[in-house]
Amino acid sequence: MELTGAIWRKSTRSDNGGATCVEVATNLPQVVGVRDSKDRGGPALTFPPASWAGFVAATRAGTLGVRQ
């Protein structure tokens, strides 16, 4: 998946000034990119926007990994 034009951001809760976290690009229409902030030129994972939204919602709700 091509991530040209991705605008990467780090969580505001990153520690060490953001040196040990992931970065997320949510500005692309078909994909959300996720990469390691220590290896910006390395590989990135990509997810459909709806899947990423579900992950974020479950993380915020504290239900990530909880079977219903």
PDB file of N, CA and C in Angstrom:
ATOM      1  N   MET A   1       0.855  -1.185   0.000  1.00  0.00           N
ATOM      2  CA  MET A   1       0.000   0.000   0.000  1.00  0.00           C
ATOM      3  C   MET A   1       0.893   1.238   0.000  1.00  0.00           C
ATOM      4  N   GLU A   2       0.581   2.147  -0.848  1.00  0.00           N
ATOM      5  CA  GLU A   2       1.344   3.381  -0.978  1.00  0.00           C
ATOM      6  C   GLU A   2       0.937   4.372   0.114  1.00  0.00           C
ATOM      7  N   LEU A   3       1.929   4.863   0.859  1.00  0.00           N
ATOM      8  CA  LEU A   3       1.650   5.809   1.946  1.00  0.00           C
ATOM      9  C   LEU A   3       2.208   7.200   1.656  1.00  0.00           C
ATOM     10  N   THR A   4       2.466   7.472   0.383  1.00  0.00           N
ATOM     11  CA  THR A   4       2.919   8.811   0.000  1.00  0.00           C
ATOM     12  C   THR A   4       1.839   9.815   0.369  1.00  0.00           C
ATOM     13  N   GLY A   5       2.230  10.878   0.997  1.00  0.00           N
ATOM     14  CA  GLY A   5       1.274  11.894   1.425  1.00  0.00           C
ATOM     15  C   GLY A   5       0.761  11.680   2.835  1.00  0.00           C
ATOM     16  N   ALA A   6       1.210  10.598   3.466  1.00  0.00           N
ATOM     17  CA  ALA A   6       0.774  10.331   4.845  1.00  0.00           C
ATOM     18  C   ALA A   6       1.310  11.412   5.775  1.00  0.00           C
ATOM     19  N   ILE A   7       0.447  11.865   6.652  1.00  0.00           N
ATOM     20  CA  ILE A   7       0.843  12.814   7.691  1.00  0.00           C
ATOM     21  C   ILE A   7       0.859  12.022   8.994  1.00  0.00           C
ATOM     22  N   TRP A   8       2.057  11.797   9.518  1.00  0.00           N
ATOM     23  CA  TRP A   8       2.245  10.951  10.692  1.00  0.00           C
ATOM     24  C   TRP A   8       2.140  11.767  11.967  1.00  0.00           C
ATOM     25  N   ARG A   9       1.519  11.181  12.987  1.00  0.00           N
ATOM     26  CA  ARG A   9       1.417  11.850  14.293  1.00  0.00           C
ATOM     27  C   ARG A   9       1.627  10.827  15.399  1.00  0.00           C
ATOM     28  N   LYS A  10       2.076  11.318  16.522  1.00  0.00           N
ATOM     29  CA  LYS A  10       2.293  10.477  17.705  1.00  0.00           C
ATOM     30  C   LYS A  10       1.224  10.794  18.743  1.00  0.00           C
ATOM     31  N   SER A  11       0.998   9.858  19.605  1.00  0.00           N
ATOM     32  CA  SER A  11       0.056  10.063  20.696  1.00  0.00           C
ATOM     33  C   SER A  11       0.559  11.167  21.615  1.00  0.00           C
ATOM     34  N   THR A  12      -0.360  11.921  22.164  1.00  0.00           N
ATOM     35  CA  THR A  12       0.007  12.939  23.144  1.00  0.00           C
ATOM     36  C   THR A  12       0.456  12.295  24.452  1.00  0.00           C
ATOM     37  N   ARG A  13       0.212  11.000  24.607  1.00  0.00           N
ATOM     38  CA  ARG A  13       0.622  10.276  25.804  1.00  0.00           C
ATOM     39  C   ARG A  13       1.947   9.544  25.632  1.00  0.00           C
ATOM     40  N   SER A  14       2.665   9.839  24.572  1.00  0.00           N
ATOM     41  CA  SER A  14       3.951   9.196  24.328  1.00  0.00           C
ATOM     42  C   SER A  14       4.942   9.569  25.419  1.00  0.00           C
ATOM     43  N   ASP A  15       5.779   8.597  25.793  1.00  0.00           N
ATOM     44  CA  ASP A  15       6.820   8.889  26.779  1.00  0.00           C
ATOM     45  C   ASP A  15       8.126   9.203  26.052  1.00  0.00           C
ATOM     46  N   ASN A  16       9.142   9.624  26.787  1.00  0.00           N
ATOM     47  CA  ASN A  16      10.463   9.937  26.228  1.00  0.00           C
ATOM     48  C   ASN A  16      10.378  10.890  25.041  1.00  0.00           C
ATOM     49  N   GLY A  17       9.480  11.819  25.070  1.00  0.00           N
ATOM     50  CA  GLY A  17       9.353  12.763  23.969  1.00  0.00           C
ATOM     51  C   GLY A  17       8.892  12.120  22.677  1.00  0.00           C
ATOM     52  N   GLY A  18       8.267  10.954  22.787  1.00  0.00           N
ATOM     53  CA  GLY A  18       7.762  10.266  21.603  1.00  0.00           C
ATOM     54  C   GLY A  18       8.768   9.347  20.944  1.00  0.00           C
ATOM     55  N   ALA A  19       9.873   9.060  21.634  1.00  0.00           N
ATOM     56  CA  ALA A  19      10.918   8.232  21.034  1.00  0.00           C
ATOM     57  C   ALA A  19      10.596   6.741  21.061  1.00  0.00           C
ATOM     58  N   THR A  20       9.662   6.333  21.874  1.00  0.00           N
ATOM     59  CA  THR A  20       9.362   4.898  21.997  1.00  0.00           C
ATOM     60  C   THR A  20       7.872   4.644  21.821  1.00  0.00           C
ATOM     61  N   CYS A  21       7.375   4.982  20.667  1.00  0.00           N
ATOM     62  CA  CYS A  21       5.947   4.793  20.447  1.00  0.00           C
ATOM     63  C   CYS A  21       5.676   4.518  18.976  1.00  0.00           C
ATOM     64  N   VAL A  22       4.439   4.427  18.645  1.00  0.00           N
ATOM     65  CA  VAL A  22       4.051   4.274  17.249  1.00  0.00           C
ATOM     66  C   VAL A  22       3.528   5.609  16.735  1.00  0.00           C
ATOM     67  N   GLU A  23       3.559   5.738  15.431  1.00  0.00           N
ATOM     68  CA  GLU A  23       2.992   6.902  14.767  1.00  0.00           C
ATOM     69  C   GLU A  23       1.857   6.407  13.878  1.00  0.00           C
ATOM     70  N   VAL A  24       0.835   7.232  13.737  1.00  0.00           N
ATOM     71  CA  VAL A  24      -0.346   6.862  12.966  1.00  0.00           C
ATOM     72  C   VAL A  24      -0.611   7.933  11.918  1.00  0.00           C
ATOM     73  N   ALA A  25      -0.983   7.486  10.729  1.00  0.00           N
ATOM     74  CA  ALA A  25      -1.388   8.403   9.652  1.00  0.00           C
ATOM     75  C   ALA A  25      -2.843   8.093   9.322  1.00  0.00           C
ATOM     76  N   THR A  26      -3.711   9.050   9.602  1.00  0.00           N
ATOM     77  CA  THR A  26      -5.146   8.853   9.369  1.00  0.00           C
ATOM     78  C   THR A  26      -5.698   9.771   8.283  1.00  0.00           C
ATOM     79  N   ASN A  27      -4.820  10.440   7.549  1.00  0.00           N
ATOM     80  CA  ASN A  27      -5.286  11.409   6.560  1.00  0.00           C
ATOM     81  C   ASN A  27      -5.522  10.815   5.169  1.00  0.00           C
ATOM     82  N   LEU A  28      -5.223   9.551   4.968  1.00  0.00           N
ATOM     83  CA  LEU A  28      -5.404   8.938   3.660  1.00  0.00           C
ATOM     84  C   LEU A  28      -6.801   8.325   3.561  1.00  0.00           C
ATOM     85  N   PRO A  29      -7.452   8.420   2.426  1.00  0.00           N
ATOM     86  CA  PRO A  29      -8.857   8.009   2.336  1.00  0.00           C
ATOM     87  C   PRO A  29      -9.118   6.504   2.448  1.00  0.00           C
ATOM     88  N   GLN A  30      -8.217   5.665   2.009  1.00  0.00           N
ATOM     89  CA  GLN A  30      -8.484   4.229   1.948  1.00  0.00           C
ATOM     90  C   GLN A  30      -7.769   3.408   3.009  1.00  0.00           C
ATOM     91  N   VAL A  31      -6.884   4.042   3.783  1.00  0.00           N
ATOM     92  CA  VAL A  31      -6.020   3.262   4.668  1.00  0.00           C
ATOM     93  C   VAL A  31      -5.545   4.099   5.853  1.00  0.00           C
ATOM     94  N   VAL A  32      -5.292   3.417   6.963  1.00  0.00           N
ATOM     95  CA  VAL A  32      -4.637   4.022   8.117  1.00  0.00           C
ATOM     96  C   VAL A  32      -3.268   3.354   8.230  1.00  0.00           C
ATOM     97  N   GLY A  33      -2.222   4.155   8.315  1.00  0.00           N
ATOM     98  CA  GLY A  33      -0.870   3.626   8.444  1.00  0.00           C
ATOM     99  C   GLY A  33      -0.404   3.691   9.883  1.00  0.00           C
ATOM    100  N   VAL A  34       0.376   2.683  10.289  1.00  0.00           N
ATOM    101  CA  VAL A  34       0.949   2.634  11.627  1.00  0.00           C
ATOM    102  C   VAL A  34       2.413   2.232  11.482  1.00  0.00           C
ATOM    103  N   ARG A  35       3.314   2.983  12.120  1.00  0.00           N
ATOM    104  CA  ARG A  35       4.735   2.664  12.031  1.00  0.00           C
ATOM    105  C   ARG A  35       5.428   2.913  13.365  1.00  0.00           C
ATOM    106  N   ASP A  36       6.615   2.363  13.498  1.00  0.00           N
ATOM    107  CA  ASP A  36       7.448   2.529  14.688  1.00  0.00           C
ATOM    108  C   ASP A  36       8.143   3.881  14.612  1.00  0.00           C
ATOM    109  N   SER A  37       8.028   4.666  15.647  1.00  0.00           N
ATOM    110  CA  SER A  37       8.640   6.002  15.626  1.00  0.00           C
ATOM    111  C   SER A  37      10.161   5.940  15.606  1.00  0.00           C
ATOM    112  N   LYS A  38      10.763   4.828  16.024  1.00  0.00           N
ATOM    113  CA  LYS A  38      12.210   4.690  16.009  1.00  0.00           C
ATOM    114  C   LYS A  38      12.741   4.267  14.643  1.00  0.00           C
ATOM    115  N   ASP A  39      11.867   3.816  13.753  1.00  0.00           N
ATOM    116  CA  ASP A  39      12.277   3.318  12.442  1.00  0.00           C
ATOM    117  C   ASP A  39      11.339   3.880  11.379  1.00  0.00           C
ATOM    118  N   ARG A  40      11.367   5.168  11.212  1.00  0.00           N
ATOM    119  CA  ARG A  40      10.426   5.839  10.305  1.00  0.00           C
ATOM    120  C   ARG A  40      10.573   5.421   8.857  1.00  0.00           C
ATOM    121  N   GLY A  41      11.730   4.952   8.472  1.00  0.00           N
ATOM    122  CA  GLY A  41      11.934   4.490   7.107  1.00  0.00           C
ATOM    123  C   GLY A  41      11.630   3.013   6.938  1.00  0.00           C
ATOM    124  N   GLY A  42      11.312   2.355   8.026  1.00  0.00           N
ATOM    125  CA  GLY A  42      11.045   0.923   7.992  1.00  0.00           C
ATOM    126  C   GLY A  42       9.627   0.615   7.555  1.00  0.00           C
ATOM    127  N   PRO A  43       9.224  -0.633   7.750  1.00  0.00           N
ATOM    128  CA  PRO A  43       7.891  -1.038   7.304  1.00  0.00           C
ATOM    129  C   PRO A  43       6.778  -0.367   8.113  1.00  0.00           C
ATOM    130  N   ALA A  44       5.625  -0.302   7.504  1.00  0.00           N
ATOM    131  CA  ALA A  44       4.430   0.237   8.171  1.00  0.00           C
ATOM    132  C   ALA A  44       3.305  -0.775   8.004  1.00  0.00           C
ATOM    133  N   LEU A  45       2.478  -0.870   8.996  1.00  0.00           N
ATOM    134  CA  LEU A  45       1.268  -1.676   8.903  1.00  0.00           C
ATOM    135  C   LEU A  45       0.167  -0.806   8.342  1.00  0.00           C
ATOM    136  N   THR A  46      -0.773  -1.402   7.630  1.00  0.00           N
ATOM    137  CA  THR A  46      -1.911  -0.656   7.114  1.00  0.00           C
ATOM    138  C   THR A  46      -3.197  -1.373   7.497  1.00  0.00           C
ATOM    139  N   PHE A  47      -4.220  -0.588   7.767  1.00  0.00           N
ATOM    140  CA  PHE A  47      -5.519  -1.098   8.188  1.00  0.00           C
ATOM    141  C   PHE A  47      -6.626  -0.338   7.473  1.00  0.00           C
ATOM    142  N   PRO A  48      -7.750  -1.009   7.209  1.00  0.00           N
ATOM    143  CA  PRO A  48      -8.912  -0.265   6.711  1.00  0.00           C
ATOM    144  C   PRO A  48      -9.365   0.722   7.800  1.00  0.00           C
ATOM    145  N   PRO A  49      -9.819   1.903   7.424  1.00  0.00           N
ATOM    146  CA  PRO A  49     -10.235   2.889   8.425  1.00  0.00           C
ATOM    147  C   PRO A  49     -11.266   2.369   9.429  1.00  0.00           C
ATOM    148  N   ALA A  50     -12.219   1.560   8.994  1.00  0.00           N
ATOM    149  CA  ALA A  50     -13.234   1.046   9.921  1.00  0.00           C
ATOM    150  C   ALA A  50     -12.612   0.110  10.958  1.00  0.00           C
ATOM    151  N   SER A  51     -11.648  -0.683  10.558  1.00  0.00           N
ATOM    152  CA  SER A  51     -10.964  -1.577  11.500  1.00  0.00           C
ATOM    153  C   SER A  51     -10.163  -0.780  12.520  1.00  0.00           C
ATOM    154  N   TRP A  52      -9.482   0.253  12.055  1.00  0.00           N
ATOM    155  CA  TRP A  52      -8.717   1.103  12.966  1.00  0.00           C
ATOM    156  C   TRP A  52      -9.651   1.799  13.955  1.00  0.00           C
ATOM    157  N   ALA A  53     -10.782   2.291  13.483  1.00  0.00           N
ATOM    158  CA  ALA A  53     -11.744   2.954  14.370  1.00  0.00           C
ATOM    159  C   ALA A  53     -12.250   1.977  15.434  1.00  0.00           C
ATOM    160  N   GLY A  54     -12.501   0.732  15.053  1.00  0.00           N
ATOM    161  CA  GLY A  54     -12.927  -0.280  16.017  1.00  0.00           C
ATOM    162  C   GLY A  54     -11.861  -0.568  17.052  1.00  0.00           C
ATOM    163  N   PHE A  55     -10.603  -0.642  16.628  1.00  0.00           N
ATOM    164  CA  PHE A  55      -9.485  -0.852  17.544  1.00  0.00           C
ATOM    165  C   PHE A  55      -9.385   0.302  18.552  1.00  0.00           C
ATOM    166  N   VAL A  56      -9.444   1.527  18.050  1.00  0.00           N
ATOM    167  CA  VAL A  56      -9.346   2.697  18.926  1.00  0.00           C
ATOM    168  C   VAL A  56     -10.520   2.727  19.913  1.00  0.00           C
ATOM    169  N   ALA A  57     -11.725   2.448  19.437  1.00  0.00           N
ATOM    170  CA  ALA A  57     -12.902   2.455  20.315  1.00  0.00           C
ATOM    171  C   ALA A  57     -12.775   1.390  21.409  1.00  0.00           C
ATOM    172  N   ALA A  58     -12.329   0.188  21.045  1.00  0.00           N
ATOM    173  CA  ALA A  58     -12.176  -0.893  22.033  1.00  0.00           C
ATOM    174  C   ALA A  58     -11.071  -0.558  23.033  1.00  0.00           C
ATOM    175  N   THR A  59     -10.015   0.089  22.566  1.00  0.00           N
ATOM    176  CA  THR A  59      -8.926   0.479  23.472  1.00  0.00           C
ATOM    177  C   THR A  59      -9.426   1.513  24.468  1.00  0.00           C
ATOM    178  N   ARG A  60     -10.137   2.509  23.990  1.00  0.00           N
ATOM    179  CA  ARG A  60     -10.670   3.545  24.889  1.00  0.00           C
ATOM    180  C   ARG A  60     -11.669   2.985  25.884  1.00  0.00           C
ATOM    181  N   ALA A  61     -12.474   2.016  25.457  1.00  0.00           N
ATOM    182  CA  ALA A  61     -13.497   1.432  26.313  1.00  0.00           C
ATOM    183  C   ALA A  61     -12.923   0.380  27.267  1.00  0.00           C
ATOM    184  N   GLY A  62     -11.678  -0.007  27.036  1.00  0.00           N
ATOM    185  CA  GLY A  62     -11.065  -1.028  27.880  1.00  0.00           C
ATOM    186  C   GLY A  62     -11.560  -2.433  27.563  1.00  0.00           C
ATOM    187  N   THR A  63     -12.085  -2.617  26.366  1.00  0.00           N
ATOM    188  CA  THR A  63     -12.645  -3.921  25.987  1.00  0.00           C
ATOM    189  C   THR A  63     -11.800  -4.648  24.955  1.00  0.00           C
ATOM    190  N   LEU A  64     -10.637  -4.150  24.657  1.00  0.00           N
ATOM    191  CA  LEU A  64      -9.770  -4.783  23.674  1.00  0.00           C
ATOM    192  C   LEU A  64      -9.402  -6.186  24.151  1.00  0.00           C
ATOM    193  N   GLY A  65      -9.695  -7.167  23.334  1.00  0.00           N
ATOM    194  CA  GLY A  65      -9.386  -8.547  23.671  1.00  0.00           C
ATOM    195  C   GLY A  65     -10.437  -9.235  24.532  1.00  0.00           C
ATOM    196  N   VAL A  66     -11.487  -8.530  24.910  1.00  0.00           N
ATOM    197  CA  VAL A  66     -12.560  -9.106  25.717  1.00  0.00           C
ATOM    198  C   VAL A  66     -13.584  -9.727  24.797  1.00  0.00           C
ATOM    199  N   ARG A  67     -13.870 -10.993  24.996  1.00  0.00           N
ATOM    200  CA  ARG A  67     -14.874 -11.666  24.162  1.00  0.00           C
ATOM    201  C   ARG A  67     -16.263 -11.391  24.734  1.00  0.00           C
ATOM    202  N   GLN A  68     -17.182 -11.162  23.830  1.00  0.00           N
ATOM    203  CA  GLN A  68     -18.547 -10.857  24.277  1.00  0.00           C
ATOM    204  C   GLN A  68     -19.486 -11.974  23.944  1.00  0.00           C
TER     205      GLN A  68
END
